[in-house]
């Protein structure tokens, strides 16, 4: 499942980052978005762009095209 598909309020874990994302990969790693790291989707704008996530207590805003390149696994409590 892609991060963009996760609904607000749901938790997930990063599985992989898509190809051709060197600059975004560097940015996300600097912000603590690592493989296996838990994320919480906070909210999405009305048309889904941008979306806000929380990782390690830090809120990050991602564009739709960025979120569509991040493979995640949804966690069910």
Protein backbone atom coordinates (compact mmCIF):
# COMPACT_ATOMS: atom_id res chain seq x y z
CA UNK A 1 0.00 0.00 0.00
CA UNK A 2 1.23 3.51 -0.75
CA UNK A 3 1.41 6.13 2.00
CA UNK A 4 -1.01 8.30 0.01
CA UNK A 5 -3.70 5.61 0.40
CA UNK A 6 -3.54 5.58 4.22
CA UNK A 7 -6.41 7.45 5.85
CA UNK A 8 -5.94 10.13 8.53
CA UNK A 9 -5.67 8.67 12.02
CA UNK A 10 -4.16 5.40 10.80
CA UNK A 11 -0.72 4.13 11.77
CA UNK A 12 1.66 2.45 9.36
CA UNK A 13 5.30 1.45 8.94
CA UNK A 14 7.62 2.34 6.08
CA UNK A 15 8.46 -0.69 3.92
CA UNK A 16 10.33 0.94 1.02
CA UNK A 17 10.92 4.15 -0.88
CA UNK A 18 10.29 4.09 -4.62
CA UNK A 19 13.00 4.41 -7.29
CA UNK A 20 14.29 7.75 -8.53
CA UNK A 21 13.88 9.49 -5.20
CA UNK A 22 17.47 10.34 -4.20
CA UNK A 23 16.73 13.89 -3.00
CA UNK A 24 13.49 12.91 -1.26
CA UNK A 25 15.14 9.84 0.28
CA UNK A 26 17.89 12.04 1.75
CA UNK A 27 15.31 14.51 3.11
CA UNK A 28 13.18 11.77 4.66
CA UNK A 29 16.18 10.05 6.24
CA UNK A 30 17.27 13.38 7.75
CA UNK A 31 13.76 13.73 9.24
CA UNK A 32 13.81 10.22 10.72
CA UNK A 33 11.63 8.43 8.18
CA UNK A 34 13.48 5.11 8.07
CA UNK A 35 12.49 1.65 6.89
CA UNK A 36 10.41 0.02 9.63
CA UNK A 37 9.72 3.34 11.36
CA UNK A 38 6.12 3.84 12.55
CA UNK A 39 4.20 6.78 11.05
CA UNK A 40 0.87 8.36 11.88
CA UNK A 41 -1.14 10.07 9.15
CA UNK A 42 -2.42 13.28 10.74
CA UNK A 43 -4.47 14.81 7.92
CA UNK A 44 -4.86 15.34 4.20
CA UNK A 45 -5.86 18.50 2.39
CA UNK A 46 -9.31 18.37 0.72
CA UNK A 47 -7.89 17.14 -2.59
CA UNK A 48 -5.27 14.97 -0.87
CA UNK A 49 -2.34 17.28 -1.54
CA UNK A 50 -0.45 17.86 0.70
CA UNK A 51 -0.72 15.39 3.57
CA UNK A 52 0.72 15.65 7.07
CA UNK A 53 2.38 12.74 8.87
CA UNK A 54 4.02 12.36 12.25
CA UNK A 55 7.21 10.40 12.84
CA UNK A 56 9.14 10.36 16.13
CA UNK A 57 7.03 13.27 17.40
CA UNK A 58 7.84 15.46 14.38
CA UNK A 59 5.17 16.51 11.89
CA UNK A 60 6.14 16.45 8.23
CA UNK A 61 4.17 17.62 5.20
CA UNK A 62 4.49 15.61 1.98
CA UNK A 63 3.21 16.28 -1.52
CA UNK A 64 0.89 13.75 -3.11
CA UNK A 65 3.52 12.59 -5.63
CA UNK A 66 6.02 12.01 -2.78
CA UNK A 67 3.51 10.04 -0.69
CA UNK A 68 2.64 7.87 -3.70
CA UNK A 69 6.27 6.69 -3.88
CA UNK A 70 6.46 5.48 -0.27
CA UNK A 71 5.43 1.86 0.31
CA UNK A 72 3.94 1.25 3.77
CA UNK A 73 2.30 -1.49 5.81
CA UNK A 74 -0.77 -0.46 7.81
CA UNK A 75 -0.78 -1.37 11.50
CA UNK A 76 -4.02 -2.57 13.00
CA UNK A 77 -4.38 -2.14 16.76
